[in-house]
């Protein structure tokens, strides 16, 4: 058994891609909240305030359109 060589069948990286179910797309609000929670420990109060403003602008601007494309 010690001298036995194991050979594995070569598999392509995406060979099962078509048989996998689609993953759900989280809501835009949920994604942006997670983003702000993730960056919060790394930002000063003024930086967090500016980042929050940018996120809100994104959420009600291009973010809505981009999220809709993800859903489609």
PDB file of N, CA and C in Angstrom:
ATOM      1  N   UNK A   1       0.820  -1.188   0.000  1.00  0.00           N
ATOM      2  CA  UNK A   1       0.000   0.000   0.000  1.00  0.00           C
ATOM      3  C   UNK A   1       0.866   1.254   0.000  1.00  0.00           C
ATOM      4  N   UNK A   2       1.988   1.235   0.686  1.00  0.00           N
ATOM      5  CA  UNK A   2       2.849   2.401   0.767  1.00  0.00           C
ATOM      6  C   UNK A   2       3.432   2.792  -0.587  1.00  0.00           C
ATOM      7  N   UNK A   3       3.672   1.826  -1.444  1.00  0.00           N
ATOM      8  CA  UNK A   3       4.266   2.102  -2.747  1.00  0.00           C
ATOM      9  C   UNK A   3       3.221   2.364  -3.826  1.00  0.00           C
ATOM     10  N   UNK A   4       1.980   2.326  -3.446  1.00  0.00           N
ATOM     11  CA  UNK A   4       0.911   2.491  -4.421  1.00  0.00           C
ATOM     12  C   UNK A   4       0.771   3.970  -4.793  1.00  0.00           C
ATOM     13  N   UNK A   5       0.653   4.228  -6.072  1.00  0.00           N
ATOM     14  CA  UNK A   5       0.484   5.587  -6.569  1.00  0.00           C
ATOM     15  C   UNK A   5      -0.993   5.795  -6.890  1.00  0.00           C
ATOM     16  N   UNK A   6      -1.533   6.854  -6.354  1.00  0.00           N
ATOM     17  CA  UNK A   6      -2.937   7.164  -6.613  1.00  0.00           C
ATOM     18  C   UNK A   6      -3.030   8.164  -7.742  1.00  0.00           C
ATOM     19  N   UNK A   7      -3.871   7.853  -8.664  1.00  0.00           N
ATOM     20  CA  UNK A   7      -4.087   8.764  -9.773  1.00  0.00           C
ATOM     21  C   UNK A   7      -5.518   9.275  -9.696  1.00  0.00           C
ATOM     22  N   UNK A   8      -5.659  10.551  -9.856  1.00  0.00           N
ATOM     23  CA  UNK A   8      -7.011  11.118  -9.838  1.00  0.00           C
ATOM     24  C   UNK A   8      -7.422  11.471 -11.261  1.00  0.00           C
ATOM     25  N   UNK A   9      -8.701  11.398 -11.472  1.00  0.00           N
ATOM     26  CA  UNK A   9      -9.245  11.756 -12.779  1.00  0.00           C
ATOM     27  C   UNK A   9      -9.164  13.264 -12.945  1.00  0.00           C
ATOM     28  N   UNK A  10      -8.625  13.701 -14.021  1.00  0.00           N
ATOM     29  CA  UNK A  10      -8.521  15.145 -14.256  1.00  0.00           C
ATOM     30  C   UNK A  10      -9.909  15.721 -14.486  1.00  0.00           C
ATOM     31  N   UNK A  11     -10.199  16.799 -13.784  1.00  0.00           N
ATOM     32  CA  UNK A  11     -11.475  17.481 -13.949  1.00  0.00           C
ATOM     33  C   UNK A  11     -11.208  18.910 -14.384  1.00  0.00           C
ATOM     34  N   UNK A  12     -12.052  19.373 -15.257  1.00  0.00           N
ATOM     35  CA  UNK A  12     -11.945  20.763 -15.676  1.00  0.00           C
ATOM     36  C   UNK A  12     -12.572  21.643 -14.601  1.00  0.00           C
ATOM     37  N   UNK A  13     -12.074  22.828 -14.443  1.00  0.00           N
ATOM     38  CA  UNK A  13     -12.529  23.720 -13.375  1.00  0.00           C
ATOM     39  C   UNK A  13     -14.030  23.969 -13.409  1.00  0.00           C
ATOM     40  N   UNK A  14     -14.586  24.233 -14.557  1.00  0.00           N
ATOM     41  CA  UNK A  14     -15.999  24.593 -14.641  1.00  0.00           C
ATOM     42  C   UNK A  14     -16.861  23.500 -15.277  1.00  0.00           C
ATOM     43  N   UNK A  15     -16.443  22.269 -15.184  1.00  0.00           N
ATOM     44  CA  UNK A  15     -17.157  21.216 -15.901  1.00  0.00           C
ATOM     45  C   UNK A  15     -18.576  20.998 -15.392  1.00  0.00           C
ATOM     46  N   UNK A  16     -18.863  21.343 -14.143  1.00  0.00           N
ATOM     47  CA  UNK A  16     -20.208  21.148 -13.592  1.00  0.00           C
ATOM     48  C   UNK A  16     -20.997  22.460 -13.519  1.00  0.00           C
ATOM     49  N   UNK A  17     -20.470  23.509 -14.096  1.00  0.00           N
ATOM     50  CA  UNK A  17     -21.066  24.843 -13.989  1.00  0.00           C
ATOM     51  C   UNK A  17     -22.541  24.865 -14.412  1.00  0.00           C
ATOM     52  N   UNK A  18     -22.871  24.221 -15.505  1.00  0.00           N
ATOM     53  CA  UNK A  18     -24.236  24.264 -16.025  1.00  0.00           C
ATOM     54  C   UNK A  18     -25.231  23.504 -15.156  1.00  0.00           C
ATOM     55  N   UNK A  19     -24.763  22.588 -14.336  1.00  0.00           N
ATOM     56  CA  UNK A  19     -25.672  21.807 -13.502  1.00  0.00           C
ATOM     57  C   UNK A  19     -25.873  22.417 -12.113  1.00  0.00           C
ATOM     58  N   UNK A  20     -25.140  23.477 -11.802  1.00  0.00           N
ATOM     59  CA  UNK A  20     -25.266  24.109 -10.491  1.00  0.00           C
ATOM     60  C   UNK A  20     -26.441  25.072 -10.462  1.00  0.00           C
ATOM     61  N   UNK A  21     -27.161  25.149  -9.348  1.00  0.00           N
ATOM     62  CA  UNK A  21     -28.262  26.109  -9.254  1.00  0.00           C
ATOM     63  C   UNK A  21     -27.713  27.524  -9.134  1.00  0.00           C
ATOM     64  N   UNK A  22     -28.502  28.494  -9.539  1.00  0.00           N
ATOM     65  CA  UNK A  22     -28.113  29.894  -9.393  1.00  0.00           C
ATOM     66  C   UNK A  22     -28.148  30.275  -7.921  1.00  0.00           C
ATOM     67  N   UNK A  23     -27.210  31.095  -7.515  1.00  0.00           N
ATOM     68  CA  UNK A  23     -27.206  31.579  -6.143  1.00  0.00           C
ATOM     69  C   UNK A  23     -28.125  32.790  -6.034  1.00  0.00           C
ATOM     70  N   UNK A  24     -28.769  32.972  -4.892  1.00  0.00           N
ATOM     71  CA  UNK A  24     -29.639  34.136  -4.733  1.00  0.00           C
ATOM     72  C   UNK A  24     -28.806  35.418  -4.669  1.00  0.00           C
ATOM     73  N   UNK A  25     -29.364  36.497  -5.178  1.00  0.00           N
ATOM     74  CA  UNK A  25     -28.695  37.794  -5.122  1.00  0.00           C
ATOM     75  C   UNK A  25     -29.226  38.520  -3.888  1.00  0.00           C
ATOM     76  N   UNK A  26     -28.352  38.884  -2.957  1.00  0.00           N
ATOM     77  CA  UNK A  26     -28.833  39.603  -1.778  1.00  0.00           C
ATOM     78  C   UNK A  26     -29.357  40.983  -2.170  1.00  0.00           C
ATOM     79  N   UNK A  27     -30.175  41.550  -1.320  1.00  0.00           N
ATOM     80  CA  UNK A  27     -30.714  42.879  -1.606  1.00  0.00           C
ATOM     81  C   UNK A  27     -29.580  43.896  -1.612  1.00  0.00           C
ATOM     82  N   UNK A  28     -29.791  44.970  -2.321  1.00  0.00           N
ATOM     83  CA  UNK A  28     -28.786  46.032  -2.381  1.00  0.00           C
ATOM     84  C   UNK A  28     -28.583  46.620  -0.988  1.00  0.00           C
ATOM     85  N   UNK A  29     -29.667  46.825  -0.244  1.00  0.00           N
ATOM     86  CA  UNK A  29     -29.552  47.357   1.119  1.00  0.00           C
ATOM     87  C   UNK A  29     -28.669  46.461   1.989  1.00  0.00           C
ATOM     88  N   UNK A  30     -28.903  45.169   1.906  1.00  0.00           N
ATOM     89  CA  UNK A  30     -28.133  44.198   2.703  1.00  0.00           C
ATOM     90  C   UNK A  30     -26.651  44.238   2.330  1.00  0.00           C
ATOM     91  N   UNK A  31     -26.369  44.289   1.036  1.00  0.00           N
ATOM     92  CA  UNK A  31     -24.979  44.316   0.576  1.00  0.00           C
ATOM     93  C   UNK A  31     -24.259  45.568   1.039  1.00  0.00           C
ATOM     94  N   UNK A  32     -24.936  46.705   0.939  1.00  0.00           N
ATOM     95  CA  UNK A  32     -24.304  47.970   1.324  1.00  0.00           C
ATOM     96  C   UNK A  32     -24.111  48.050   2.839  1.00  0.00           C
ATOM     97  N   UNK A  33     -25.049  47.505   3.597  1.00  0.00           N
ATOM     98  CA  UNK A  33     -24.901  47.478   5.055  1.00  0.00           C
ATOM     99  C   UNK A  33     -23.695  46.622   5.433  1.00  0.00           C
ATOM    100  N   UNK A  34     -23.543  45.469   4.791  1.00  0.00           N
ATOM    101  CA  UNK A  34     -22.391  44.602   5.067  1.00  0.00           C
ATOM    102  C   UNK A  34     -21.086  45.306   4.707  1.00  0.00           C
ATOM    103  N   UNK A  35     -21.107  46.050   3.608  1.00  0.00           N
ATOM    104  CA  UNK A  35     -19.905  46.787   3.201  1.00  0.00           C
ATOM    105  C   UNK A  35     -19.525  47.814   4.266  1.00  0.00           C
ATOM    106  N   UNK A  36     -20.503  48.593   4.707  1.00  0.00           N
ATOM    107  CA  UNK A  36     -20.215  49.617   5.715  1.00  0.00           C
ATOM    108  C   UNK A  36     -19.750  48.977   7.025  1.00  0.00           C
ATOM    109  N   UNK A  37     -20.354  47.863   7.413  1.00  0.00           N
ATOM    110  CA  UNK A  37     -19.919  47.156   8.618  1.00  0.00           C
ATOM    111  C   UNK A  37     -18.476  46.665   8.475  1.00  0.00           C
ATOM    112  N   UNK A  38     -18.103  46.246   7.263  1.00  0.00           N
ATOM    113  CA  UNK A  38     -16.751  45.719   7.028  1.00  0.00           C
ATOM    114  C   UNK A  38     -15.688  46.811   7.066  1.00  0.00           C
ATOM    115  N   UNK A  39     -15.998  48.001   6.554  1.00  0.00           N
ATOM    116  CA  UNK A  39     -14.982  49.054   6.487  1.00  0.00           C
ATOM    117  C   UNK A  39     -14.935  49.918   7.744  1.00  0.00           C
ATOM    118  N   UNK A  40     -15.990  49.873   8.541  1.00  0.00           N
ATOM    119  CA  UNK A  40     -16.086  50.730   9.720  1.00  0.00           C
ATOM    120  C   UNK A  40     -14.864  50.670  10.640  1.00  0.00           C
ATOM    121  N   UNK A  41     -14.336  49.486  10.967  1.00  0.00           N
ATOM    122  CA  UNK A  41     -13.183  49.449  11.882  1.00  0.00           C
ATOM    123  C   UNK A  41     -11.914  50.115  11.333  1.00  0.00           C
ATOM    124  N   UNK A  42     -11.864  50.341  10.052  1.00  0.00           N
ATOM    125  CA  UNK A  42     -10.649  50.874   9.429  1.00  0.00           C
ATOM    126  C   UNK A  42     -10.722  52.378   9.157  1.00  0.00           C
ATOM    127  N   UNK A  43     -11.864  53.007   9.435  1.00  0.00           N
ATOM    128  CA  UNK A  43     -12.058  54.407   9.075  1.00  0.00           C
ATOM    129  C   UNK A  43     -12.194  55.291  10.305  1.00  0.00           C
ATOM    130  N   UNK A  44     -11.713  56.507  10.166  1.00  0.00           N
ATOM    131  CA  UNK A  44     -11.958  57.512  11.210  1.00  0.00           C
ATOM    132  C   UNK A  44     -13.415  57.959  11.082  1.00  0.00           C
ATOM    133  N   UNK A  45     -13.906  58.701  12.055  1.00  0.00           N
ATOM    134  CA  UNK A  45     -15.292  59.173  11.997  1.00  0.00           C
ATOM    135  C   UNK A  45     -15.572  60.018  10.746  1.00  0.00           C
ATOM    136  N   UNK A  46     -14.692  60.966  10.406  1.00  0.00           N
ATOM    137  CA  UNK A  46     -14.949  61.734   9.170  1.00  0.00           C
ATOM    138  C   UNK A  46     -14.919  60.858   7.902  1.00  0.00           C
ATOM    139  N   UNK A  47     -14.000  59.890   7.873  1.00  0.00           N
ATOM    140  CA  UNK A  47     -13.927  58.985   6.725  1.00  0.00           C
ATOM    141  C   UNK A  47     -15.177  58.116   6.628  1.00  0.00           C
ATOM    142  N   UNK A  48     -15.662  57.645   7.766  1.00  0.00           N
ATOM    143  CA  UNK A  48     -16.878  56.830   7.779  1.00  0.00           C
ATOM    144  C   UNK A  48     -18.078  57.653   7.313  1.00  0.00           C
ATOM    145  N   UNK A  49     -18.157  58.889   7.743  1.00  0.00           N
ATOM    146  CA  UNK A  49     -19.255  59.759   7.322  1.00  0.00           C
ATOM    147  C   UNK A  49     -19.216  59.970   5.815  1.00  0.00           C
ATOM    148  N   UNK A  50     -18.053  60.233   5.261  1.00  0.00           N
ATOM    149  CA  UNK A  50     -17.902  60.449   3.817  1.00  0.00           C
ATOM    150  C   UNK A  50     -18.238  59.159   3.057  1.00  0.00           C
ATOM    151  N   UNK A  51     -17.763  58.033   3.556  1.00  0.00           N
ATOM    152  CA  UNK A  51     -18.035  56.748   2.913  1.00  0.00           C
ATOM    153  C   UNK A  51     -19.528  56.449   2.931  1.00  0.00           C
ATOM    154  N   UNK A  52     -20.195  56.728   4.045  1.00  0.00           N
ATOM    155  CA  UNK A  52     -21.634  56.521   4.153  1.00  0.00           C
ATOM    156  C   UNK A  52     -22.381  57.383   3.142  1.00  0.00           C
ATOM    157  N   UNK A  53     -21.946  58.621   2.972  1.00  0.00           N
ATOM    158  CA  UNK A  53     -22.564  59.506   1.969  1.00  0.00           C
ATOM    159  C   UNK A  53     -22.394  58.948   0.557  1.00  0.00           C
ATOM    160  N   UNK A  54     -21.216  58.440   0.270  1.00  0.00           N
ATOM    161  CA  UNK A  54     -20.946  57.869  -1.055  1.00  0.00           C
ATOM    162  C   UNK A  54     -21.809  56.624  -1.275  1.00  0.00           C
ATOM    163  N   UNK A  55     -21.931  55.789  -0.250  1.00  0.00           N
ATOM    164  CA  UNK A  55     -22.751  54.581  -0.352  1.00  0.00           C
ATOM    165  C   UNK A  55     -24.213  54.949  -0.599  1.00  0.00           C
ATOM    166  N   UNK A  56     -24.716  55.951   0.112  1.00  0.00           N
ATOM    167  CA  UNK A  56     -26.109  56.377  -0.078  1.00  0.00           C
ATOM    168  C   UNK A  56     -26.326  56.927  -1.490  1.00  0.00           C
ATOM    169  N   UNK A  57     -25.368  57.684  -1.983  1.00  0.00           N
ATOM    170  CA  UNK A  57     -25.461  58.202  -3.347  1.00  0.00           C
ATOM    171  C   UNK A  57     -25.477  57.043  -4.352  1.00  0.00           C
ATOM    172  N   UNK A  58     -24.627  56.056  -4.136  1.00  0.00           N
ATOM    173  CA  UNK A  58     -24.584  54.868  -4.991  1.00  0.00           C
ATOM    174  C   UNK A  58     -25.906  54.108  -4.918  1.00  0.00           C
ATOM    175  N   UNK A  59     -26.428  53.943  -3.703  1.00  0.00           N
ATOM    176  CA  UNK A  59     -27.643  53.160  -3.484  1.00  0.00           C
ATOM    177  C   UNK A  59     -28.835  53.728  -4.256  1.00  0.00           C
ATOM    178  N   UNK A  60     -28.967  55.026  -4.270  1.00  0.00           N
ATOM    179  CA  UNK A  60     -30.119  55.637  -4.936  1.00  0.00           C
ATOM    180  C   UNK A  60     -29.791  56.127  -6.345  1.00  0.00           C
ATOM    181  N   UNK A  61     -28.571  55.880  -6.792  1.00  0.00           N
ATOM    182  CA  UNK A  61     -28.162  56.251  -8.139  1.00  0.00           C
ATOM    183  C   UNK A  61     -27.907  55.013  -8.982  1.00  0.00           C
ATOM    184  N   UNK A  62     -26.685  54.873  -9.436  1.00  0.00           N
ATOM    185  CA  UNK A  62     -26.306  53.776 -10.340  1.00  0.00           C
ATOM    186  C   UNK A  62     -26.452  52.405  -9.688  1.00  0.00           C
ATOM    187  N   UNK A  63     -26.400  52.350  -8.359  1.00  0.00           N
ATOM    188  CA  UNK A  63     -26.507  51.076  -7.659  1.00  0.00           C
ATOM    189  C   UNK A  63     -27.819  50.355  -7.940  1.00  0.00           C
ATOM    190  N   UNK A  64     -28.911  51.107  -8.012  1.00  0.00           N
ATOM    191  CA  UNK A  64     -30.210  50.499  -8.303  1.00  0.00           C
ATOM    192  C   UNK A  64     -30.186  49.826  -9.663  1.00  0.00           C
ATOM    193  N   UNK A  65     -29.633  50.511 -10.652  1.00  0.00           N
ATOM    194  CA  UNK A  65     -29.563  49.972 -12.013  1.00  0.00           C
ATOM    195  C   UNK A  65     -28.663  48.743 -12.073  1.00  0.00           C
ATOM    196  N   UNK A  66     -27.518  48.818 -11.441  1.00  0.00           N
ATOM    197  CA  UNK A  66     -26.584  47.689 -11.455  1.00  0.00           C
ATOM    198  C   UNK A  66     -27.169  46.482 -10.721  1.00  0.00           C
ATOM    199  N   UNK A  67     -27.860  46.730  -9.628  1.00  0.00           N
ATOM    200  CA  UNK A  67     -28.485  45.623  -8.892  1.00  0.00           C
ATOM    201  C   UNK A  67     -29.568  44.956  -9.734  1.00  0.00           C
ATOM    202  N   UNK A  68     -30.323  45.752 -10.461  1.00  0.00           N
ATOM    203  CA  UNK A  68     -31.362  45.196 -11.330  1.00  0.00           C
ATOM    204  C   UNK A  68     -30.746  44.288 -12.400  1.00  0.00           C
ATOM    205  N   UNK A  69     -29.606  44.696 -12.929  1.00  0.00           N
ATOM    206  CA  UNK A  69     -28.920  43.859 -13.928  1.00  0.00           C
ATOM    207  C   UNK A  69     -28.464  42.537 -13.322  1.00  0.00           C
ATOM    208  N   UNK A  70     -28.027  42.571 -12.073  1.00  0.00           N
ATOM    209  CA  UNK A  70     -27.652  41.334 -11.401  1.00  0.00           C
ATOM    210  C   UNK A  70     -28.868  40.400 -11.260  1.00  0.00           C
ATOM    211  N   UNK A  71     -29.998  40.968 -10.926  1.00  0.00           N
ATOM    212  CA  UNK A  71     -31.201  40.170 -10.761  1.00  0.00           C
ATOM    213  C   UNK A  71     -31.643  39.526 -12.076  1.00  0.00           C
ATOM    214  N   UNK A  72     -31.434  40.221 -13.166  1.00  0.00           N
ATOM    215  CA  UNK A  72     -31.807  39.702 -14.489  1.00  0.00           C
ATOM    216  C   UNK A  72     -30.882  38.575 -14.876  1.00  0.00           C
TER     217      UNK A  72
END
